[in-house]
Amino acid sequence: MPYANHSPEEVESRGEEIYEQQIRQNVEAGNKGKFVVIDIETGEYEVDEDDLQATKRALAKRSEAVLYGVRIGYPTAYTLGGHITMEQG
């Protein structure tokens, strides 16, 4: 989904920064495999097993939100073929 004021690289960079600095320590325990959807402009986020449900809740809060998604405990959210392995650490 394109955003008028943010490049895809900017959304990714800001989303990763917010996740690492503000959110990760609050959600990682007990939520591995779930999704975090982050509003990169406010820092608010939603956690759910279903990324679409988390996205809907984030957009219900702020319909113009610029969102970035992360799968907790994994290096990527999705894979095509093969399998996803959990991060070590």
PDB file of N, CA and C in Angstrom:
ATOM      1  N   MET A   1       0.843  -1.158   0.000  1.00  0.00           N
ATOM      2  CA  MET A   1       0.000   0.000   0.000  1.00  0.00           C
ATOM      3  C   MET A   1       0.900   1.237   0.000  1.00  0.00           C
ATOM      4  N   PRO A   2       0.838   2.088  -1.023  1.00  0.00           N
ATOM      5  CA  PRO A   2       1.688   3.276  -1.084  1.00  0.00           C
ATOM      6  C   PRO A   2       1.177   4.377  -0.146  1.00  0.00           C
ATOM      7  N   TYR A   3       2.092   5.120   0.423  1.00  0.00           N
ATOM      8  CA  TYR A   3       1.748   6.232   1.301  1.00  0.00           C
ATOM      9  C   TYR A   3       2.285   7.510   0.686  1.00  0.00           C
ATOM     10  N   ALA A   4       1.494   8.565   0.709  1.00  0.00           N
ATOM     11  CA  ALA A   4       1.860   9.822   0.063  1.00  0.00           C
ATOM     12  C   ALA A   4       3.116  10.451   0.665  1.00  0.00           C
ATOM     13  N   ASN A   5       3.279  10.359   1.967  1.00  0.00           N
ATOM     14  CA  ASN A   5       4.378  11.064   2.625  1.00  0.00           C
ATOM     15  C   ASN A   5       5.536  10.176   3.060  1.00  0.00           C
ATOM     16  N   HIS A   6       5.492   8.878   2.713  1.00  0.00           N
ATOM     17  CA  HIS A   6       6.531   7.956   3.170  1.00  0.00           C
ATOM     18  C   HIS A   6       6.895   6.973   2.065  1.00  0.00           C
ATOM     19  N   SER A   7       8.180   6.794   1.844  1.00  0.00           N
ATOM     20  CA  SER A   7       8.636   5.773   0.904  1.00  0.00           C
ATOM     21  C   SER A   7       8.569   4.418   1.605  1.00  0.00           C
ATOM     22  N   PRO A   8       8.527   3.327   0.845  1.00  0.00           N
ATOM     23  CA  PRO A   8       8.542   2.003   1.479  1.00  0.00           C
ATOM     24  C   PRO A   8       9.760   1.809   2.391  1.00  0.00           C
ATOM     25  N   GLU A   9      10.899   2.337   1.978  1.00  0.00           N
ATOM     26  CA  GLU A   9      12.119   2.219   2.779  1.00  0.00           C
ATOM     27  C   GLU A   9      11.982   2.977   4.106  1.00  0.00           C
ATOM     28  N   GLU A  10      11.335   4.122   4.042  1.00  0.00           N
ATOM     29  CA  GLU A  10      11.120   4.929   5.241  1.00  0.00           C
ATOM     30  C   GLU A  10      10.167   4.216   6.212  1.00  0.00           C
ATOM     31  N   VAL A  11       9.104   3.612   5.676  1.00  0.00           N
ATOM     32  CA  VAL A  11       8.156   2.872   6.510  1.00  0.00           C
ATOM     33  C   VAL A  11       8.877   1.715   7.194  1.00  0.00           C
ATOM     34  N   GLU A  12       9.664   0.969   6.437  1.00  0.00           N
ATOM     35  CA  GLU A  12      10.403  -0.163   7.003  1.00  0.00           C
ATOM     36  C   GLU A  12      11.398   0.293   8.063  1.00  0.00           C
ATOM     37  N   SER A  13      12.173   1.314   7.754  1.00  0.00           N
ATOM     38  CA  SER A  13      13.186   1.800   8.682  1.00  0.00           C
ATOM     39  C   SER A  13      12.561   2.308   9.978  1.00  0.00           C
ATOM     40  N   ARG A  14      11.540   3.113   9.859  1.00  0.00           N
ATOM     41  CA  ARG A  14      10.883   3.671  11.048  1.00  0.00           C
ATOM     42  C   ARG A  14      10.179   2.566  11.846  1.00  0.00           C
ATOM     43  N   GLY A  15       9.515   1.642  11.143  1.00  0.00           N
ATOM     44  CA  GLY A  15       8.839   0.541  11.818  1.00  0.00           C
ATOM     45  C   GLY A  15       9.803  -0.317  12.610  1.00  0.00           C
ATOM     46  N   GLU A  16      10.932  -0.678  12.006  1.00  0.00           N
ATOM     47  CA  GLU A  16      11.948  -1.480  12.698  1.00  0.00           C
ATOM     48  C   GLU A  16      12.510  -0.740  13.903  1.00  0.00           C
ATOM     49  N   GLU A  17      12.756   0.555  13.736  1.00  0.00           N
ATOM     50  CA  GLU A  17      13.300   1.364  14.828  1.00  0.00           C
ATOM     51  C   GLU A  17      12.335   1.404  16.015  1.00  0.00           C
ATOM     52  N   ILE A  18      11.077   1.649  15.749  1.00  0.00           N
ATOM     53  CA  ILE A  18      10.071   1.696  16.817  1.00  0.00           C
ATOM     54  C   ILE A  18       9.961   0.334  17.489  1.00  0.00           C
ATOM     55  N   TYR A  19       9.919  -0.726  16.677  1.00  0.00           N
ATOM     56  CA  TYR A  19       9.794  -2.067  17.248  1.00  0.00           C
ATOM     57  C   TYR A  19      10.965  -2.377  18.175  1.00  0.00           C
ATOM     58  N   GLU A  20      12.169  -2.151  17.707  1.00  0.00           N
ATOM     59  CA  GLU A  20      13.361  -2.484  18.495  1.00  0.00           C
ATOM     60  C   GLU A  20      13.496  -1.620  19.744  1.00  0.00           C
ATOM     61  N   GLN A  21      13.194  -0.338  19.648  1.00  0.00           N
ATOM     62  CA  GLN A  21      13.434   0.576  20.763  1.00  0.00           C
ATOM     63  C   GLN A  21      12.283   0.680  21.757  1.00  0.00           C
ATOM     64  N   GLN A  22      11.040   0.453  21.298  1.00  0.00           N
ATOM     65  CA  GLN A  22       9.897   0.737  22.164  1.00  0.00           C
ATOM     66  C   GLN A  22       8.962  -0.443  22.414  1.00  0.00           C
ATOM     67  N   ILE A  23       8.933  -1.416  21.512  1.00  0.00           N
ATOM     68  CA  ILE A  23       7.883  -2.424  21.584  1.00  0.00           C
ATOM     69  C   ILE A  23       8.395  -3.820  21.893  1.00  0.00           C
ATOM     70  N   ARG A  24       9.485  -4.217  21.291  1.00  0.00           N
ATOM     71  CA  ARG A  24       9.959  -5.607  21.389  1.00  0.00           C
ATOM     72  C   ARG A  24       9.980  -6.139  22.811  1.00  0.00           C
ATOM     73  N   GLN A  25      10.563  -5.409  23.733  1.00  0.00           N
ATOM     74  CA  GLN A  25      10.693  -5.879  25.114  1.00  0.00           C
ATOM     75  C   GLN A  25       9.333  -6.037  25.792  1.00  0.00           C
ATOM     76  N   ASN A  26       8.304  -5.370  25.281  1.00  0.00           N
ATOM     77  CA  ASN A  26       6.969  -5.454  25.880  1.00  0.00           C
ATOM     78  C   ASN A  26       6.128  -6.607  25.333  1.00  0.00           C
ATOM     79  N   VAL A  27       6.472  -7.109  24.148  1.00  0.00           N
ATOM     80  CA  VAL A  27       5.592  -8.097  23.509  1.00  0.00           C
ATOM     81  C   VAL A  27       6.218  -9.459  23.268  1.00  0.00           C
ATOM     82  N   GLU A  28       7.530  -9.566  23.286  1.00  0.00           N
ATOM     83  CA  GLU A  28       8.171 -10.805  22.854  1.00  0.00           C
ATOM     84  C   GLU A  28       7.838 -12.003  23.742  1.00  0.00           C
ATOM     85  N   ALA A  29       7.843 -11.841  25.040  1.00  0.00           N
ATOM     86  CA  ALA A  29       7.557 -12.966  25.940  1.00  0.00           C
ATOM     87  C   ALA A  29       6.090 -13.380  25.805  1.00  0.00           C
ATOM     88  N   GLY A  30       5.889 -14.638  25.451  1.00  0.00           N
ATOM     89  CA  GLY A  30       4.539 -15.180  25.357  1.00  0.00           C
ATOM     90  C   GLY A  30       3.792 -14.894  24.072  1.00  0.00           C
ATOM     91  N   ASN A  31       4.407 -14.193  23.142  1.00  0.00           N
ATOM     92  CA  ASN A  31       3.721 -13.831  21.904  1.00  0.00           C
ATOM     93  C   ASN A  31       4.441 -14.283  20.635  1.00  0.00           C
ATOM     94  N   LYS A  32       5.427 -15.162  20.754  1.00  0.00           N
ATOM     95  CA  LYS A  32       6.174 -15.593  19.564  1.00  0.00           C
ATOM     96  C   LYS A  32       5.224 -16.163  18.516  1.00  0.00           C
ATOM     97  N   GLY A  33       5.411 -15.713  17.293  1.00  0.00           N
ATOM     98  CA  GLY A  33       4.584 -16.162  16.177  1.00  0.00           C
ATOM     99  C   GLY A  33       3.400 -15.254  15.897  1.00  0.00           C
ATOM    100  N   LYS A  34       3.042 -14.405  16.856  1.00  0.00           N
ATOM    101  CA  LYS A  34       1.964 -13.446  16.625  1.00  0.00           C
ATOM    102  C   LYS A  34       2.503 -12.260  15.821  1.00  0.00           C
ATOM    103  N   PHE A  35       1.599 -11.424  15.369  1.00  0.00           N
ATOM    104  CA  PHE A  35       1.966 -10.253  14.578  1.00  0.00           C
ATOM    105  C   PHE A  35       1.802  -8.978  15.388  1.00  0.00           C
ATOM    106  N   VAL A  36       2.707  -8.043  15.160  1.00  0.00           N
ATOM    107  CA  VAL A  36       2.602  -6.688  15.687  1.00  0.00           C
ATOM    108  C   VAL A  36       2.416  -5.778  14.487  1.00  0.00           C
ATOM    109  N   VAL A  37       1.409  -4.934  14.535  1.00  0.00           N
ATOM    110  CA  VAL A  37       1.192  -3.928  13.506  1.00  0.00           C
ATOM    111  C   VAL A  37       1.377  -2.572  14.174  1.00  0.00           C
ATOM    112  N   ILE A  38       2.320  -1.783  13.642  1.00  0.00           N
ATOM    113  CA  ILE A  38       2.762  -0.534  14.268  1.00  0.00           C
ATOM    114  C   ILE A  38       2.370   0.654  13.411  1.00  0.00           C
ATOM    115  N   ASP A  39       1.779   1.660  14.034  1.00  0.00           N
ATOM    116  CA  ASP A  39       1.543   2.946  13.381  1.00  0.00           C
ATOM    117  C   ASP A  39       2.861   3.714  13.509  1.00  0.00           C
ATOM    118  N   ILE A  40       3.563   3.904  12.415  1.00  0.00           N
ATOM    119  CA  ILE A  40       4.899   4.502  12.490  1.00  0.00           C
ATOM    120  C   ILE A  40       4.871   5.988  12.816  1.00  0.00           C
ATOM    121  N   GLU A  41       3.711   6.613  12.769  1.00  0.00           N
ATOM    122  CA  GLU A  41       3.629   8.034  13.087  1.00  0.00           C
ATOM    123  C   GLU A  41       3.306   8.287  14.553  1.00  0.00           C
ATOM    124  N   THR A  42       2.661   7.327  15.219  1.00  0.00           N
ATOM    125  CA  THR A  42       2.295   7.522  16.630  1.00  0.00           C
ATOM    126  C   THR A  42       3.011   6.554  17.565  1.00  0.00           C
ATOM    127  N   GLY A  43       3.501   5.432  17.037  1.00  0.00           N
ATOM    128  CA  GLY A  43       4.118   4.409  17.869  1.00  0.00           C
ATOM    129  C   GLY A  43       3.111   3.454  18.491  1.00  0.00           C
ATOM    130  N   GLU A  44       1.807   3.683  18.286  1.00  0.00           N
ATOM    131  CA  GLU A  44       0.802   2.762  18.807  1.00  0.00           C
ATOM    132  C   GLU A  44       0.861   1.467  18.020  1.00  0.00           C
ATOM    133  N   TYR A  45       0.461   0.368  18.674  1.00  0.00           N
ATOM    134  CA  TYR A  45       0.541  -0.927  17.999  1.00  0.00           C
ATOM    135  C   TYR A  45      -0.551  -1.860  18.461  1.00  0.00           C
ATOM    136  N   GLU A  46      -0.765  -2.893  17.669  1.00  0.00           N
ATOM    137  CA  GLU A  46      -1.725  -3.955  17.962  1.00  0.00           C
ATOM    138  C   GLU A  46      -1.017  -5.293  17.802  1.00  0.00           C
ATOM    139  N   VAL A  47      -1.354  -6.257  18.655  1.00  0.00           N
ATOM    140  CA  VAL A  47      -0.799  -7.607  18.589  1.00  0.00           C
ATOM    141  C   VAL A  47      -1.948  -8.580  18.367  1.00  0.00           C
ATOM    142  N   ASP A  48      -1.764  -9.530  17.449  1.00  0.00           N
ATOM    143  CA  ASP A  48      -2.794 -10.537  17.199  1.00  0.00           C
ATOM    144  C   ASP A  48      -2.171 -11.719  16.479  1.00  0.00           C
ATOM    145  N   GLU A  49      -2.793 -12.883  16.598  1.00  0.00           N
ATOM    146  CA  GLU A  49      -2.356 -14.052  15.832  1.00  0.00           C
ATOM    147  C   GLU A  49      -2.633 -13.850  14.346  1.00  0.00           C
ATOM    148  N   ASP A  50      -3.588 -12.996  14.026  1.00  0.00           N
ATOM    149  CA  ASP A  50      -3.999 -12.711  12.659  1.00  0.00           C
ATOM    150  C   ASP A  50      -3.589 -11.274  12.327  1.00  0.00           C
ATOM    151  N   ASP A  51      -2.658 -11.123  11.381  1.00  0.00           N
ATOM    152  CA  ASP A  51      -2.181  -9.778  11.057  1.00  0.00           C
ATOM    153  C   ASP A  51      -3.281  -8.879  10.512  1.00  0.00           C
ATOM    154  N   LEU A  52      -4.261  -9.448   9.828  1.00  0.00           N
ATOM    155  CA  LEU A  52      -5.364  -8.652   9.295  1.00  0.00           C
ATOM    156  C   LEU A  52      -6.209  -8.070  10.428  1.00  0.00           C
ATOM    157  N   GLN A  53      -6.447  -8.846  11.470  1.00  0.00           N
ATOM    158  CA  GLN A  53      -7.219  -8.344  12.610  1.00  0.00           C
ATOM    159  C   GLN A  53      -6.457  -7.228  13.329  1.00  0.00           C
ATOM    160  N   ALA A  54      -5.159  -7.391  13.487  1.00  0.00           N
ATOM    161  CA  ALA A  54      -4.348  -6.340  14.109  1.00  0.00           C
ATOM    162  C   ALA A  54      -4.381  -5.074  13.249  1.00  0.00           C
ATOM    163  N   THR A  55      -4.317  -5.245  11.942  1.00  0.00           N
ATOM    164  CA  THR A  55      -4.366  -4.102  11.020  1.00  0.00           C
ATOM    165  C   THR A  55      -5.714  -3.396  11.122  1.00  0.00           C
ATOM    166  N   LYS A  56      -6.789  -4.154  11.144  1.00  0.00           N
ATOM    167  CA  LYS A  56      -8.123  -3.550  11.249  1.00  0.00           C
ATOM    168  C   LYS A  56      -8.268  -2.741  12.529  1.00  0.00           C
ATOM    169  N   ARG A  57      -7.755  -3.262  13.637  1.00  0.00           N
ATOM    170  CA  ARG A  57      -7.845  -2.525  14.901  1.00  0.00           C
ATOM    171  C   ARG A  57      -7.006  -1.253  14.858  1.00  0.00           C
ATOM    172  N   ALA A  58      -5.815  -1.334  14.259  1.00  0.00           N
ATOM    173  CA  ALA A  58      -4.964  -0.143  14.148  1.00  0.00           C
ATOM    174  C   ALA A  58      -5.635   0.924  13.292  1.00  0.00           C
ATOM    175  N   LEU A  59      -6.255   0.507  12.189  1.00  0.00           N
ATOM    176  CA  LEU A  59      -6.929   1.462  11.314  1.00  0.00           C
ATOM    177  C   LEU A  59      -8.215   2.001  11.933  1.00  0.00           C
ATOM    178  N   ALA A  60      -8.835   1.234  12.798  1.00  0.00           N
ATOM    179  CA  ALA A  60     -10.023   1.720  13.499  1.00  0.00           C
ATOM    180  C   ALA A  60      -9.653   2.857  14.457  1.00  0.00           C
ATOM    181  N   LYS A  61      -8.452   2.773  15.019  1.00  0.00           N
ATOM    182  CA  LYS A  61      -7.964   3.834  15.906  1.00  0.00           C
ATOM    183  C   LYS A  61      -7.646   5.100  15.118  1.00  0.00           C
ATOM    184  N   ARG A  62      -7.005   4.896  13.949  1.00  0.00           N
ATOM    185  CA  ARG A  62      -6.557   6.039  13.143  1.00  0.00           C
ATOM    186  C   ARG A  62      -6.555   5.605  11.685  1.00  0.00           C
ATOM    187  N   SER A  63      -7.591   5.984  10.959  1.00  0.00           N
ATOM    188  CA  SER A  63      -7.786   5.485   9.598  1.00  0.00           C
ATOM    189  C   SER A  63      -6.669   5.878   8.639  1.00  0.00           C
ATOM    190  N   GLU A  64      -5.951   6.940   8.925  1.00  0.00           N
ATOM    191  CA  GLU A  64      -4.863   7.380   8.049  1.00  0.00           C
ATOM    192  C   GLU A  64      -3.498   6.856   8.495  1.00  0.00           C
ATOM    193  N   ALA A  65      -3.500   5.908   9.411  1.00  0.00           N
ATOM    194  CA  ALA A  65      -2.254   5.367   9.960  1.00  0.00           C
ATOM    195  C   ALA A  65      -1.356   4.789   8.863  1.00  0.00           C
ATOM    196  N   VAL A  66      -0.059   4.992   9.036  1.00  0.00           N
ATOM    197  CA  VAL A  66       0.954   4.378   8.178  1.00  0.00           C
ATOM    198  C   VAL A  66       1.473   3.184   8.970  1.00  0.00           C
ATOM    199  N   LEU A  67       1.211   1.970   8.466  1.00  0.00           N
ATOM    200  CA  LEU A  67       1.437   0.762   9.251  1.00  0.00           C
ATOM    201  C   LEU A  67       2.629  -0.063   8.774  1.00  0.00           C
ATOM    202  N   TYR A  68       3.279  -0.690   9.743  1.00  0.00           N
ATOM    203  CA  TYR A  68       4.386  -1.611   9.501  1.00  0.00           C
ATOM    204  C   TYR A  68       4.123  -2.846  10.341  1.00  0.00           C
ATOM    205  N   GLY A  69       4.300  -4.030   9.768  1.00  0.00           N
ATOM    206  CA  GLY A  69       4.039  -5.270  10.477  1.00  0.00           C
ATOM    207  C   GLY A  69       5.281  -6.104  10.710  1.00  0.00           C
ATOM    208  N   VAL A  70       5.298  -6.783  11.860  1.00  0.00           N
ATOM    209  CA  VAL A  70       6.400  -7.651  12.261  1.00  0.00           C
ATOM    210  C   VAL A  70       5.803  -8.935  12.830  1.00  0.00           C
ATOM    211  N   ARG A  71       6.440 -10.069  12.546  1.00  0.00           N
ATOM    212  CA  ARG A  71       6.047 -11.318  13.201  1.00  0.00           C
ATOM    213  C   ARG A  71       6.993 -11.525  14.375  1.00  0.00           C
ATOM    214  N   ILE A  72       6.450 -11.591  15.558  1.00  0.00           N
ATOM    215  CA  ILE A  72       7.246 -11.634  16.783  1.00  0.00           C
ATOM    216  C   ILE A  72       8.093 -12.913  16.833  1.00  0.00           C
ATOM    217  N   GLY A  73       9.411 -12.712  17.010  1.00  0.00           N
ATOM    218  CA  GLY A  73      10.328 -13.835  17.157  1.00  0.00           C
ATOM    219  C   GLY A  73      10.824 -14.433  15.859  1.00  0.00           C
ATOM    220  N   TYR A  74      10.495 -13.851  14.734  1.00  0.00           N
ATOM    221  CA  TYR A  74      10.909 -14.371  13.428  1.00  0.00           C
ATOM    222  C   TYR A  74      11.570 -13.265  12.615  1.00  0.00           C
ATOM    223  N   PRO A  75      12.508 -13.619  11.746  1.00  0.00           N
ATOM    224  CA  PRO A  75      13.184 -12.605  10.928  1.00  0.00           C
ATOM    225  C   PRO A  75      12.295 -12.073   9.805  1.00  0.00           C
ATOM    226  N   THR A  76      11.271 -12.826   9.399  1.00  0.00           N
ATOM    227  CA  THR A  76      10.335 -12.369   8.369  1.00  0.00           C
ATOM    228  C   THR A  76       8.917 -12.742   8.789  1.00  0.00           C
ATOM    229  N   ALA A  77       7.952 -12.048   8.218  1.00  0.00           N
ATOM    230  CA  ALA A  77       6.559 -12.330   8.561  1.00  0.00           C
ATOM    231  C   ALA A  77       6.016 -13.521   7.786  1.00  0.00           C
ATOM    232  N   TYR A  78       6.450 -13.674   6.543  1.00  0.00           N
ATOM    233  CA  TYR A  78       5.903 -14.711   5.671  1.00  0.00           C
ATOM    234  C   TYR A  78       7.021 -15.388   4.895  1.00  0.00           C
ATOM    235  N   THR A  79       6.690 -16.553   4.327  1.00  0.00           N
ATOM    236  CA  THR A  79       7.616 -17.248   3.447  1.00  0.00           C
ATOM    237  C   THR A  79       6.835 -17.861   2.301  1.00  0.00           C
ATOM    238  N   LEU A  80       7.464 -17.956   1.159  1.00  0.00           N
ATOM    239  CA  LEU A  80       6.873 -18.639   0.012  1.00  0.00           C
ATOM    240  C   LEU A  80       7.635 -19.927  -0.179  1.00  0.00           C
ATOM    241  N   GLY A  81       6.998 -21.054   0.082  1.00  0.00           N
ATOM    242  CA  GLY A  81       7.702 -22.339   0.036  1.00  0.00           C
ATOM    243  C   GLY A  81       8.648 -22.437   1.221  1.00  0.00           C
ATOM    244  N   GLY A  82       9.054 -23.597   1.547  1.00  0.00           N
ATOM    245  CA  GLY A  82       9.990 -23.761   2.664  1.00  0.00           C
ATOM    246  C   GLY A  82       9.324 -23.479   3.992  1.00  0.00           C
ATOM    247  N   HIS A  83      10.104 -22.985   4.961  1.00  0.00           N
ATOM    248  CA  HIS A  83       9.574 -22.733   6.284  1.00  0.00           C
ATOM    249  C   HIS A  83      10.315 -21.575   6.920  1.00  0.00           C
ATOM    250  N   ILE A  84       9.716 -21.014   7.959  1.00  0.00           N
ATOM    251  CA  ILE A  84      10.315 -19.910   8.708  1.00  0.00           C
ATOM    252  C   ILE A  84      10.905 -20.497   9.976  1.00  0.00           C
ATOM    253  N   THR A  85      12.119 -20.087  10.321  1.00  0.00           N
ATOM    254  CA  THR A  85      12.712 -20.519  11.571  1.00  0.00           C
ATOM    255  C   THR A  85      12.730 -19.353  12.541  1.00  0.00           C
ATOM    256  N   MET A  86      12.602 -19.657  13.828  1.00  0.00           N
ATOM    257  CA  MET A  86      12.604 -18.623  14.855  1.00  0.00           C
ATOM    258  C   MET A  86      14.008 -18.062  14.995  1.00  0.00           C
ATOM    259  N   GLU A  87      14.055 -16.782  15.408  1.00  0.00           N
ATOM    260  CA  GLU A  87      15.339 -16.159  15.698  1.00  0.00           C
ATOM    261  C   GLU A  87      15.917 -16.789  16.947  1.00  0.00           C
ATOM    262  N   GLN A  88      17.208 -16.917  17.000  1.00  0.00           N
ATOM    263  CA  GLN A  88      17.897 -17.433  18.176  1.00  0.00           C
ATOM    264  C   GLN A  88      18.249 -16.243  19.064  1.00  0.00           C
ATOM    265  N   GLY A  89      18.120 -16.431  20.345  1.00  0.00           N
ATOM    266  CA  GLY A  89      18.535 -15.331  21.206  1.00  0.00           C
ATOM    267  C   GLY A  89      17.783 -15.151  22.408  1.00  0.00           C
TER     268      GLY A  89
END
